[in-house]
Amino acid sequence: MAKNYIQEGNVLSYTATAAVASGAVVVIGERIAIALADIAVGETGAITIEGVFAVAKLGTDVVGQGDLLYWDAANSRLTATAAGNTLAGFAAAPAGAGIGTVNIKINA
């Protein structure tokens, strides 16, 4: 193994500036992550930057499998609208209007 190897990289440590619930989206720079457990303010916990997760979406969006999705931090949900939002990944499965969640492959 390389002498400069640190870790696999799909799970990172994150120090919370606000309380984070298990399964919540965390924005880290220009990417998102999912908290793997509750993280209290000022504490460090595990977040993952890979995988497929069911995450809240804008109910009026019609999302096709493979469509790009963006994190709308102001409303704590995914949307198909890029402007002003953080690229989060792509839809792993379709989710029509009236559906409040979508399966997303994060950071892909």
PDB file of N, CA and C in Angstrom:
ATOM      1  N   MET A   1       0.847  -1.179   0.000  1.00  0.00           N
ATOM      2  CA  MET A   1       0.000   0.000   0.000  1.00  0.00           C
ATOM      3  C   MET A   1       0.889   1.238   0.000  1.00  0.00           C
ATOM      4  N   ALA A   2       0.436   2.271  -0.689  1.00  0.00           N
ATOM      5  CA  ALA A   2       1.193   3.517  -0.771  1.00  0.00           C
ATOM      6  C   ALA A   2       1.391   4.123   0.616  1.00  0.00           C
ATOM      7  N   LYS A   3       2.546   4.696   0.823  1.00  0.00           N
ATOM      8  CA  LYS A   3       2.868   5.293   2.118  1.00  0.00           C
ATOM      9  C   LYS A   3       1.995   6.493   2.449  1.00  0.00           C
ATOM     10  N   ASN A   4       1.418   7.119   1.427  1.00  0.00           N
ATOM     11  CA  ASN A   4       0.585   8.301   1.668  1.00  0.00           C
ATOM     12  C   ASN A   4      -0.910   7.983   1.680  1.00  0.00           C
ATOM     13  N   TYR A   5      -1.284   6.701   1.697  1.00  0.00           N
ATOM     14  CA  TYR A   5      -2.699   6.293   1.751  1.00  0.00           C
ATOM     15  C   TYR A   5      -3.312   6.722   3.080  1.00  0.00           C
ATOM     16  N   ILE A   6      -4.514   7.308   3.025  1.00  0.00           N
ATOM     17  CA  ILE A   6      -5.218   7.759   4.223  1.00  0.00           C
ATOM     18  C   ILE A   6      -6.421   6.872   4.509  1.00  0.00           C
ATOM     19  N   GLN A   7      -7.332   6.739   3.552  1.00  0.00           N
ATOM     20  CA  GLN A   7      -8.558   5.966   3.742  1.00  0.00           C
ATOM     21  C   GLN A   7      -9.217   5.729   2.402  1.00  0.00           C
ATOM     22  N   GLU A   8     -10.247   4.863   2.370  1.00  0.00           N
ATOM     23  CA  GLU A   8     -10.960   4.581   1.134  1.00  0.00           C
ATOM     24  C   GLU A   8     -11.614   5.834   0.568  1.00  0.00           C
ATOM     25  N   GLY A   9     -12.246   6.647   1.406  1.00  0.00           N
ATOM     26  CA  GLY A   9     -12.747   7.942   0.974  1.00  0.00           C
ATOM     27  C   GLY A   9     -14.243   8.074   0.786  1.00  0.00           C
ATOM     28  N   ASN A  10     -14.998   6.979   0.896  1.00  0.00           N
ATOM     29  CA  ASN A  10     -16.449   7.139   0.724  1.00  0.00           C
ATOM     30  C   ASN A  10     -17.125   7.601   2.007  1.00  0.00           C
ATOM     31  N   VAL A  11     -16.465   7.457   3.152  1.00  0.00           N
ATOM     32  CA  VAL A  11     -16.965   7.971   4.429  1.00  0.00           C
ATOM     33  C   VAL A  11     -15.928   8.954   4.964  1.00  0.00           C
ATOM     34  N   LEU A  12     -16.399  10.155   5.296  1.00  0.00           N
ATOM     35  CA  LEU A  12     -15.527  11.210   5.797  1.00  0.00           C
ATOM     36  C   LEU A  12     -15.980  11.659   7.180  1.00  0.00           C
ATOM     37  N   SER A  13     -15.077  12.299   7.905  1.00  0.00           N
ATOM     38  CA  SER A  13     -15.426  12.911   9.188  1.00  0.00           C
ATOM     39  C   SER A  13     -15.931  14.320   8.929  1.00  0.00           C
ATOM     40  N   TYR A  14     -16.962  14.714   9.683  1.00  0.00           N
ATOM     41  CA  TYR A  14     -17.572  16.027   9.513  1.00  0.00           C
ATOM     42  C   TYR A  14     -17.882  16.604  10.883  1.00  0.00           C
ATOM     43  N   THR A  15     -17.452  17.838  11.119  1.00  0.00           N
ATOM     44  CA  THR A  15     -17.760  18.531  12.368  1.00  0.00           C
ATOM     45  C   THR A  15     -18.968  19.424  12.125  1.00  0.00           C
ATOM     46  N   ALA A  16     -20.031  19.170  12.857  1.00  0.00           N
ATOM     47  CA  ALA A  16     -21.312  19.845  12.648  1.00  0.00           C
ATOM     48  C   ALA A  16     -21.304  21.260  13.216  1.00  0.00           C
ATOM     49  N   THR A  17     -21.758  22.214  12.413  1.00  0.00           N
ATOM     50  CA  THR A  17     -21.935  23.591  12.870  1.00  0.00           C
ATOM     51  C   THR A  17     -23.370  23.812  13.352  1.00  0.00           C
ATOM     52  N   ALA A  18     -24.245  22.852  13.051  1.00  0.00           N
ATOM     53  CA  ALA A  18     -25.627  22.803  13.529  1.00  0.00           C
ATOM     54  C   ALA A  18     -25.943  21.320  13.699  1.00  0.00           C
ATOM     55  N   ALA A  19     -26.937  21.011  14.503  1.00  0.00           N
ATOM     56  CA  ALA A  19     -27.306  19.610  14.714  1.00  0.00           C
ATOM     57  C   ALA A  19     -27.693  18.970  13.376  1.00  0.00           C
ATOM     58  N   VAL A  20     -27.239  17.746  13.157  1.00  0.00           N
ATOM     59  CA  VAL A  20     -27.506  17.009  11.927  1.00  0.00           C
ATOM     60  C   VAL A  20     -28.145  15.678  12.289  1.00  0.00           C
ATOM     61  N   ALA A  21     -29.284  15.372  11.681  1.00  0.00           N
ATOM     62  CA  ALA A  21     -29.972  14.104  11.930  1.00  0.00           C
ATOM     63  C   ALA A  21     -29.437  13.024  11.000  1.00  0.00           C
ATOM     64  N   SER A  22     -29.449  11.804  11.469  1.00  0.00           N
ATOM     65  CA  SER A  22     -29.075  10.666  10.637  1.00  0.00           C
ATOM     66  C   SER A  22     -29.905  10.675   9.356  1.00  0.00           C
ATOM     67  N   GLY A  23     -29.252  10.535   8.213  1.00  0.00           N
ATOM     68  CA  GLY A  23     -29.938  10.535   6.928  1.00  0.00           C
ATOM     69  C   GLY A  23     -30.098  11.902   6.308  1.00  0.00           C
ATOM     70  N   ALA A  24     -29.708  12.956   7.021  1.00  0.00           N
ATOM     71  CA  ALA A  24     -29.847  14.321   6.507  1.00  0.00           C
ATOM     72  C   ALA A  24     -28.755  14.630   5.493  1.00  0.00           C
ATOM     73  N   VAL A  25     -29.086  15.517   4.557  1.00  0.00           N
ATOM     74  CA  VAL A  25     -28.120  16.002   3.584  1.00  0.00           C
ATOM     75  C   VAL A  25     -27.241  17.054   4.245  1.00  0.00           C
ATOM     76  N   VAL A  26     -25.940  16.961   4.001  1.00  0.00           N
ATOM     77  CA  VAL A  26     -24.959  17.928   4.474  1.00  0.00           C
ATOM     78  C   VAL A  26     -24.236  18.454   3.236  1.00  0.00           C
ATOM     79  N   VAL A  27     -24.172  19.762   3.073  1.00  0.00           N
ATOM     80  CA  VAL A  27     -23.432  20.346   1.957  1.00  0.00           C
ATOM     81  C   VAL A  27     -21.994  20.557   2.411  1.00  0.00           C
ATOM     82  N   ILE A  28     -21.070  20.003   1.626  1.00  0.00           N
ATOM     83  CA  ILE A  28     -19.637  20.190   1.896  1.00  0.00           C
ATOM     84  C   ILE A  28     -19.014  20.792   0.633  1.00  0.00           C
ATOM     85  N   GLY A  29     -18.833  22.084   0.653  1.00  0.00           N
ATOM     86  CA  GLY A  29     -18.309  22.776  -0.524  1.00  0.00           C
ATOM     87  C   GLY A  29     -19.287  22.694  -1.679  1.00  0.00           C
ATOM     88  N   GLU A  30     -18.870  22.083  -2.780  1.00  0.00           N
ATOM     89  CA  GLU A  30     -19.697  21.956  -3.977  1.00  0.00           C
ATOM     90  C   GLU A  30     -20.308  20.570  -4.101  1.00  0.00           C
ATOM     91  N   ARG A  31     -20.322  19.803  -3.026  1.00  0.00           N
ATOM     92  CA  ARG A  31     -20.857  18.440  -3.021  1.00  0.00           C
ATOM     93  C   ARG A  31     -21.822  18.272  -1.850  1.00  0.00           C
ATOM     94  N   ILE A  32     -22.562  17.166  -1.893  1.00  0.00           N
ATOM     95  CA  ILE A  32     -23.402  16.828  -0.746  1.00  0.00           C
ATOM     96  C   ILE A  32     -22.917  15.522  -0.151  1.00  0.00           C
ATOM     97  N   ALA A  33     -23.339  15.286   1.067  1.00  0.00           N
ATOM     98  CA  ALA A  33     -23.072  14.034   1.763  1.00  0.00           C
ATOM     99  C   ALA A  33     -24.324  13.694   2.564  1.00  0.00           C
ATOM    100  N   ILE A  34     -24.383  12.487   3.051  1.00  0.00           N
ATOM    101  CA  ILE A  34     -25.482  12.039   3.902  1.00  0.00           C
ATOM    102  C   ILE A  34     -24.898  11.658   5.260  1.00  0.00           C
ATOM    103  N   ALA A  35     -25.491  12.187   6.327  1.00  0.00           N
ATOM    104  CA  ALA A  35     -25.049  11.842   7.685  1.00  0.00           C
ATOM    105  C   ALA A  35     -25.421  10.397   7.988  1.00  0.00           C
ATOM    106  N   LEU A  36     -24.472   9.634   8.480  1.00  0.00           N
ATOM    107  CA  LEU A  36     -24.716   8.228   8.783  1.00  0.00           C
ATOM    108  C   LEU A  36     -25.290   8.007  10.176  1.00  0.00           C
ATOM    109  N   ALA A  37     -25.226   9.028  11.012  1.00  0.00           N
ATOM    110  CA  ALA A  37     -25.802   8.995  12.360  1.00  0.00           C
ATOM    111  C   ALA A  37     -26.042  10.439  12.781  1.00  0.00           C
ATOM    112  N   ASP A  38     -26.792  10.632  13.861  1.00  0.00           N
ATOM    113  CA  ASP A  38     -26.980  11.987  14.383  1.00  0.00           C
ATOM    114  C   ASP A  38     -25.621  12.582  14.750  1.00  0.00           C
ATOM    115  N   ILE A  39     -25.448  13.879  14.488  1.00  0.00           N
ATOM    116  CA  ILE A  39     -24.222  14.586  14.862  1.00  0.00           C
ATOM    117  C   ILE A  39     -24.634  15.849  15.612  1.00  0.00           C
ATOM    118  N   ALA A  40     -24.220  15.961  16.851  1.00  0.00           N
ATOM    119  CA  ALA A  40     -24.540  17.136  17.672  1.00  0.00           C
ATOM    120  C   ALA A  40     -23.668  18.317  17.264  1.00  0.00           C
ATOM    121  N   VAL A  41     -24.133  19.518  17.543  1.00  0.00           N
ATOM    122  CA  VAL A  41     -23.379  20.739  17.254  1.00  0.00           C
ATOM    123  C   VAL A  41     -21.984  20.636  17.865  1.00  0.00           C
ATOM    124  N   GLY A  42     -20.973  20.915  17.060  1.00  0.00           N
ATOM    125  CA  GLY A  42     -19.600  20.893  17.530  1.00  0.00           C
ATOM    126  C   GLY A  42     -18.968  19.518  17.581  1.00  0.00           C
ATOM    127  N   GLU A  43     -19.754  18.481  17.381  1.00  0.00           N
ATOM    128  CA  GLU A  43     -19.236  17.116  17.401  1.00  0.00           C
ATOM    129  C   GLU A  43     -18.840  16.679  15.997  1.00  0.00           C
ATOM    130  N   THR A  44     -18.006  15.657  15.918  1.00  0.00           N
ATOM    131  CA  THR A  44     -17.586  15.105  14.639  1.00  0.00           C
ATOM    132  C   THR A  44     -18.255  13.760  14.441  1.00  0.00           C
ATOM    133  N   GLY A  45     -18.808  13.566  13.247  1.00  0.00           N
ATOM    134  CA  GLY A  45     -19.482  12.323  12.927  1.00  0.00           C
ATOM    135  C   GLY A  45     -19.184  11.897  11.508  1.00  0.00           C
ATOM    136  N   ALA A  46     -19.708  10.742  11.128  1.00  0.00           N
ATOM    137  CA  ALA A  46     -19.450  10.165   9.809  1.00  0.00           C
ATOM    138  C   ALA A  46     -20.501  10.607   8.794  1.00  0.00           C
ATOM    139  N   ILE A  47     -20.023  10.987   7.615  1.00  0.00           N
ATOM    140  CA  ILE A  47     -20.881  11.300   6.476  1.00  0.00           C
ATOM    141  C   ILE A  47     -20.379  10.480   5.289  1.00  0.00           C
ATOM    142  N   THR A  48     -21.289  10.115   4.414  1.00  0.00           N
ATOM    143  CA  THR A  48     -20.899   9.383   3.215  1.00  0.00           C
ATOM    144  C   THR A  48     -21.107  10.242   1.980  1.00  0.00           C
ATOM    145  N   ILE A  49     -20.200  10.072   1.030  1.00  0.00           N
ATOM    146  CA  ILE A  49     -20.290  10.827  -0.214  1.00  0.00           C
ATOM    147  C   ILE A  49     -20.627   9.927  -1.395  1.00  0.00           C
ATOM    148  N   GLU A  50     -21.004   8.683  -1.115  1.00  0.00           N
ATOM    149  CA  GLU A  50     -21.359   7.737  -2.163  1.00  0.00           C
ATOM    150  C   GLU A  50     -22.603   6.967  -1.775  1.00  0.00           C
ATOM    151  N   GLY A  51     -23.334   6.501  -2.769  1.00  0.00           N
ATOM    152  CA  GLY A  51     -24.485   5.644  -2.509  1.00  0.00           C
ATOM    153  C   GLY A  51     -25.763   6.188  -3.114  1.00  0.00           C
ATOM    154  N   VAL A  52     -26.832   5.406  -2.937  1.00  0.00           N
ATOM    155  CA  VAL A  52     -28.165   5.786  -3.389  1.00  0.00           C
ATOM    156  C   VAL A  52     -29.036   5.944  -2.147  1.00  0.00           C
ATOM    157  N   PHE A  53     -29.718   7.081  -2.054  1.00  0.00           N
ATOM    158  CA  PHE A  53     -30.536   7.405  -0.891  1.00  0.00           C
ATOM    159  C   PHE A  53     -31.883   7.953  -1.331  1.00  0.00           C
ATOM    160  N   ALA A  54     -32.912   7.719  -0.533  1.00  0.00           N
ATOM    161  CA  ALA A  54     -34.222   8.340  -0.737  1.00  0.00           C
ATOM    162  C   ALA A  54     -34.187   9.689  -0.024  1.00  0.00           C
ATOM    163  N   VAL A  55     -34.375  10.766  -0.799  1.00  0.00           N
ATOM    164  CA  VAL A  55     -34.264  12.120  -0.261  1.00  0.00           C
ATOM    165  C   VAL A  55     -35.483  12.924  -0.732  1.00  0.00           C
ATOM    166  N   ALA A  56     -35.933  13.839   0.108  1.00  0.00           N
ATOM    167  CA  ALA A  56     -37.081  14.699  -0.235  1.00  0.00           C
ATOM    168  C   ALA A  56     -36.803  15.466  -1.518  1.00  0.00           C
ATOM    169  N   LYS A  57     -37.858  15.620  -2.340  1.00  0.00           N
ATOM    170  CA  LYS A  57     -37.755  16.408  -3.572  1.00  0.00           C
ATOM    171  C   LYS A  57     -38.937  17.350  -3.670  1.00  0.00           C
ATOM    172  N   LEU A  58     -38.809  18.344  -4.532  1.00  0.00           N
ATOM    173  CA  LEU A  58     -39.909  19.248  -4.830  1.00  0.00           C
ATOM    174  C   LEU A  58     -41.029  18.425  -5.447  1.00  0.00           C
ATOM    175  N   GLY A  59     -42.197  18.433  -4.829  1.00  0.00           N
ATOM    176  CA  GLY A  59     -43.303  17.574  -5.236  1.00  0.00           C
ATOM    177  C   GLY A  59     -43.816  17.801  -6.640  1.00  0.00           C
ATOM    178  N   THR A  60     -43.604  19.004  -7.182  1.00  0.00           N
ATOM    179  CA  THR A  60     -44.104  19.283  -8.529  1.00  0.00           C
ATOM    180  C   THR A  60     -43.113  18.877  -9.622  1.00  0.00           C
ATOM    181  N   ASP A  61     -41.880  18.564  -9.252  1.00  0.00           N
ATOM    182  CA  ASP A  61     -40.890  18.136 -10.245  1.00  0.00           C
ATOM    183  C   ASP A  61     -41.214  16.737 -10.751  1.00  0.00           C
ATOM    184  N   VAL A  62     -41.089  16.548 -12.056  1.00  0.00           N
ATOM    185  CA  VAL A  62     -41.182  15.230 -12.681  1.00  0.00           C
ATOM    186  C   VAL A  62     -39.751  14.835 -13.031  1.00  0.00           C
ATOM    187  N   VAL A  63     -39.269  13.768 -12.403  1.00  0.00           N
ATOM    188  CA  VAL A  63     -37.877  13.374 -12.530  1.00  0.00           C
ATOM    189  C   VAL A  63     -37.792  12.023 -13.225  1.00  0.00           C
ATOM    190  N   GLY A  64     -36.996  11.965 -14.290  1.00  0.00           N
ATOM    191  CA  GLY A  64     -36.751  10.709 -14.986  1.00  0.00           C
ATOM    192  C   GLY A  64     -35.468  10.072 -14.488  1.00  0.00           C
ATOM    193  N   GLN A  65     -35.376   8.764 -14.606  1.00  0.00           N
ATOM    194  CA  GLN A  65     -34.152   8.074 -14.219  1.00  0.00           C
ATOM    195  C   GLN A  65     -32.985   8.673 -15.006  1.00  0.00           C
ATOM    196  N   GLY A  66     -31.933   9.038 -14.299  1.00  0.00           N
ATOM    197  CA  GLY A  66     -30.755   9.634 -14.923  1.00  0.00           C
ATOM    198  C   GLY A  66     -30.755  11.145 -14.948  1.00  0.00           C
ATOM    199  N   ASP A  67     -31.884  11.783 -14.632  1.00  0.00           N
ATOM    200  CA  ASP A  67     -31.934  13.251 -14.600  1.00  0.00           C
ATOM    201  C   ASP A  67     -31.041  13.794 -13.490  1.00  0.00           C
ATOM    202  N   LEU A  68     -30.362  14.901 -13.766  1.00  0.00           N
ATOM    203  CA  LEU A  68     -29.554  15.559 -12.743  1.00  0.00           C
ATOM    204  C   LEU A  68     -30.463  16.175 -11.692  1.00  0.00           C
ATOM    205  N   LEU A  69     -30.018  16.117 -10.435  1.00  0.00           N
ATOM    206  CA  LEU A  69     -30.757  16.690  -9.315  1.00  0.00           C
ATOM    207  C   LEU A  69     -29.853  17.635  -8.542  1.00  0.00           C
ATOM    208  N   TYR A  70     -30.467  18.650  -7.953  1.00  0.00           N
ATOM    209  CA  TYR A  70     -29.745  19.711  -7.256  1.00  0.00           C
ATOM    210  C   TYR A  70     -30.317  19.877  -5.852  1.00  0.00           C
ATOM    211  N   TRP A  71     -29.452  20.195  -4.883  1.00  0.00           N
ATOM    212  CA  TRP A  71     -29.890  20.405  -3.515  1.00  0.00           C
ATOM    213  C   TRP A  71     -30.292  21.858  -3.332  1.00  0.00           C
ATOM    214  N   ASP A  72     -31.545  22.062  -2.945  1.00  0.00           N
ATOM    215  CA  ASP A  72     -32.103  23.374  -2.633  1.00  0.00           C
ATOM    216  C   ASP A  72     -32.002  23.533  -1.120  1.00  0.00           C
ATOM    217  N   ALA A  73     -30.907  24.126  -0.656  1.00  0.00           N
ATOM    218  CA  ALA A  73     -30.648  24.234   0.787  1.00  0.00           C
ATOM    219  C   ALA A  73     -31.689  25.082   1.501  1.00  0.00           C
ATOM    220  N   ALA A  74     -32.224  26.091   0.834  1.00  0.00           N
ATOM    221  CA  ALA A  74     -33.212  26.968   1.458  1.00  0.00           C
ATOM    222  C   ALA A  74     -34.490  26.213   1.821  1.00  0.00           C
ATOM    223  N   ASN A  75     -34.815  25.179   1.042  1.00  0.00           N
ATOM    224  CA  ASN A  75     -36.042  24.412   1.279  1.00  0.00           C
ATOM    225  C   ASN A  75     -35.790  22.965   1.697  1.00  0.00           C
ATOM    226  N   SER A  76     -34.516  22.607   1.875  1.00  0.00           N
ATOM    227  CA  SER A  76     -34.113  21.258   2.321  1.00  0.00           C
ATOM    228  C   SER A  76     -34.732  20.149   1.475  1.00  0.00           C
ATOM    229  N   ARG A  77     -34.530  20.250   0.157  1.00  0.00           N
ATOM    230  CA  ARG A  77     -35.061  19.226  -0.745  1.00  0.00           C
ATOM    231  C   ARG A  77     -34.299  19.269  -2.068  1.00  0.00           C
ATOM    232  N   LEU A  78     -34.454  18.195  -2.812  1.00  0.00           N
ATOM    233  CA  LEU A  78     -33.883  18.125  -4.146  1.00  0.00           C
ATOM    234  C   LEU A  78     -34.825  18.763  -5.147  1.00  0.00           C
ATOM    235  N   THR A  79     -34.247  19.226  -6.243  1.00  0.00           N
ATOM    236  CA  THR A  79     -35.027  19.822  -7.319  1.00  0.00           C
ATOM    237  C   THR A  79     -34.314  19.568  -8.643  1.00  0.00           C
ATOM    238  N   ALA A  80     -35.042  19.697  -9.725  1.00  0.00           N
ATOM    239  CA  ALA A  80     -34.460  19.607 -11.062  1.00  0.00           C
ATOM    240  C   ALA A  80     -33.896  20.961 -11.507  1.00  0.00           C
ATOM    241  N   THR A  81     -34.069  21.990 -10.700  1.00  0.00           N
ATOM    242  CA  THR A  81     -33.621  23.345 -11.033  1.00  0.00           C
ATOM    243  C   THR A  81     -32.178  23.562 -10.596  1.00  0.00           C
ATOM    244  N   ALA A  82     -31.320  23.860 -11.562  1.00  0.00           N
ATOM    245  CA  ALA A  82     -29.901  24.058 -11.280  1.00  0.00           C
ATOM    246  C   ALA A  82     -29.597  25.419 -10.663  1.00  0.00           C
ATOM    247  N   ALA A  83     -30.263  26.471 -11.132  1.00  0.00           N
ATOM    248  CA  ALA A  83     -29.942  27.845 -10.727  1.00  0.00           C
ATOM    249  C   ALA A  83     -30.011  28.027  -9.213  1.00  0.00           C
ATOM    250  N   GLY A  84     -28.888  28.439  -8.634  1.00  0.00           N
ATOM    251  CA  GLY A  84     -28.822  28.741  -7.213  1.00  0.00           C
ATOM    252  C   GLY A  84     -28.731  27.540  -6.302  1.00  0.00           C
ATOM    253  N   ASN A  85     -28.616  26.333  -6.870  1.00  0.00           N
ATOM    254  CA  ASN A  85     -28.589  25.113  -6.067  1.00  0.00           C
ATOM    255  C   ASN A  85     -27.297  24.336  -6.299  1.00  0.00           C
ATOM    256  N   THR A  86     -27.015  23.368  -5.433  1.00  0.00           N
ATOM    257  CA  THR A  86     -25.799  22.561  -5.492  1.00  0.00           C
ATOM    258  C   THR A  86     -26.065  21.249  -6.208  1.00  0.00           C
ATOM    259  N   LEU A  87     -25.273  20.928  -7.235  1.00  0.00           N
ATOM    260  CA  LEU A  87     -25.410  19.652  -7.921  1.00  0.00           C
ATOM    261  C   LEU A  87     -25.264  18.529  -6.905  1.00  0.00           C
ATOM    262  N   ALA A  88     -26.246  17.631  -6.870  1.00  0.00           N
ATOM    263  CA  ALA A  88     -26.265  16.578  -5.854  1.00  0.00           C
ATOM    264  C   ALA A  88     -26.022  15.192  -6.442  1.00  0.00           C
ATOM    265  N   GLY A  89     -26.376  14.972  -7.703  1.00  0.00           N
ATOM    266  CA  GLY A  89     -26.221  13.664  -8.324  1.00  0.00           C
ATOM    267  C   GLY A  89     -27.286  13.463  -9.380  1.00  0.00           C
ATOM    268  N   PHE A  90     -27.706  12.199  -9.570  1.00  0.00           N
ATOM    269  CA  PHE A  90     -28.747  11.928 -10.557  1.00  0.00           C
ATOM    270  C   PHE A  90     -29.775  10.968 -10.000  1.00  0.00           C
ATOM    271  N   ALA A  91     -30.959  11.007 -10.586  1.00  0.00           N
ATOM    272  CA  ALA A  91     -32.056  10.151 -10.137  1.00  0.00           C
ATOM    273  C   ALA A  91     -31.735   8.696 -10.481  1.00  0.00           C
ATOM    274  N   ALA A  92     -31.756   7.844  -9.475  1.00  0.00           N
ATOM    275  CA  ALA A  92     -31.526   6.416  -9.669  1.00  0.00           C
ATOM    276  C   ALA A  92     -32.804   5.726 -10.136  1.00  0.00           C
ATOM    277  N   ALA A  93     -33.933   6.385  -9.922  1.00  0.00           N
ATOM    278  CA  ALA A  93     -35.241   5.874 -10.342  1.00  0.00           C
ATOM    279  C   ALA A  93     -36.129   7.081 -10.628  1.00  0.00           C
ATOM    280  N   PRO A  94     -37.129   6.918 -11.471  1.00  0.00           N
ATOM    281  CA  PRO A  94     -38.027   8.042 -11.753  1.00  0.00           C
ATOM    282  C   PRO A  94     -38.904   8.378 -10.545  1.00  0.00           C
ATOM    283  N   ALA A  95     -39.348   9.630 -10.493  1.00  0.00           N
ATOM    284  CA  ALA A  95     -40.268  10.087  -9.446  1.00  0.00           C
ATOM    285  C   ALA A  95     -41.140  11.178 -10.041  1.00  0.00           C
ATOM    286  N   GLY A  96     -42.409  10.930 -10.154  1.00  0.00           N
ATOM    287  CA  GLY A  96     -43.325  11.852 -10.802  1.00  0.00           C
ATOM    288  C   GLY A  96     -43.822  12.961  -9.903  1.00  0.00           C
ATOM    289  N   ALA A  97     -44.645  13.813 -10.477  1.00  0.00           N
ATOM    290  CA  ALA A  97     -45.289  14.891  -9.725  1.00  0.00           C
ATOM    291  C   ALA A  97     -46.141  14.272  -8.627  1.00  0.00           C
ATOM    292  N   GLY A  98     -46.163  14.907  -7.488  1.00  0.00           N
ATOM    293  CA  GLY A  98     -46.926  14.405  -6.354  1.00  0.00           C
ATOM    294  C   GLY A  98     -46.149  13.436  -5.482  1.00  0.00           C
ATOM    295  N   ILE A  99     -44.975  13.029  -5.928  1.00  0.00           N
ATOM    296  CA  ILE A  99     -44.112  12.141  -5.150  1.00  0.00           C
ATOM    297  C   ILE A  99     -43.135  13.025  -4.382  1.00  0.00           C
ATOM    298  N   GLY A 100     -43.040  12.811  -3.075  1.00  0.00           N
ATOM    299  CA  GLY A 100     -42.236  13.693  -2.225  1.00  0.00           C
ATOM    300  C   GLY A 100     -40.797  13.295  -2.019  1.00  0.00           C
ATOM    301  N   THR A 101     -40.395  12.130  -2.544  1.00  0.00           N
ATOM    302  CA  THR A 101     -39.001  11.708  -2.432  1.00  0.00           C
ATOM    303  C   THR A 101     -38.532  11.160  -3.777  1.00  0.00           C
ATOM    304  N   VAL A 102     -37.222  11.089  -3.911  1.00  0.00           N
ATOM    305  CA  VAL A 102     -36.612  10.493  -5.094  1.00  0.00           C
ATOM    306  C   VAL A 102     -35.366   9.731  -4.645  1.00  0.00           C
ATOM    307  N   ASN A 103     -35.103   8.610  -5.307  1.00  0.00           N
ATOM    308  CA  ASN A 103     -33.867   7.875  -5.058  1.00  0.00           C
ATOM    309  C   ASN A 103     -32.768   8.529  -5.873  1.00  0.00           C
ATOM    310  N   ILE A 104     -31.730   8.995  -5.176  1.00  0.00           N
ATOM    311  CA  ILE A 104     -30.642   9.721  -5.835  1.00  0.00           C
ATOM    312  C   ILE A 104     -29.323   9.010  -5.629  1.00  0.00           C
ATOM    313  N   LYS A 105     -28.546   8.909  -6.702  1.00  0.00           N
ATOM    314  CA  LYS A 105     -27.154   8.476  -6.621  1.00  0.00           C
ATOM    315  C   LYS A 105     -26.386   9.762  -6.394  1.00  0.00           C
ATOM    316  N   ILE A 106     -25.869   9.921  -5.172  1.00  0.00           N
ATOM    317  CA  ILE A 106     -25.248  11.201  -4.820  1.00  0.00           C
ATOM    318  C   ILE A 106     -23.859  11.341  -5.449  1.00  0.00           C
ATOM    319  N   ASN A 107     -23.534  12.580  -5.787  1.00  0.00           N
ATOM    320  CA  ASN A 107     -22.218  12.987  -6.278  1.00  0.00           C
ATOM    321  C   ASN A 107     -21.727  12.229  -7.494  1.00  0.00           C
ATOM    322  N   ALA A 108     -22.634  11.814  -8.342  1.00  0.00           N
ATOM    323  CA  ALA A 108     -22.220  11.085  -9.549  1.00  0.00           C
ATOM    324  C   ALA A 108     -22.299  11.982 -10.756  1.00  0.00           C
TER     325      ALA A 108
END
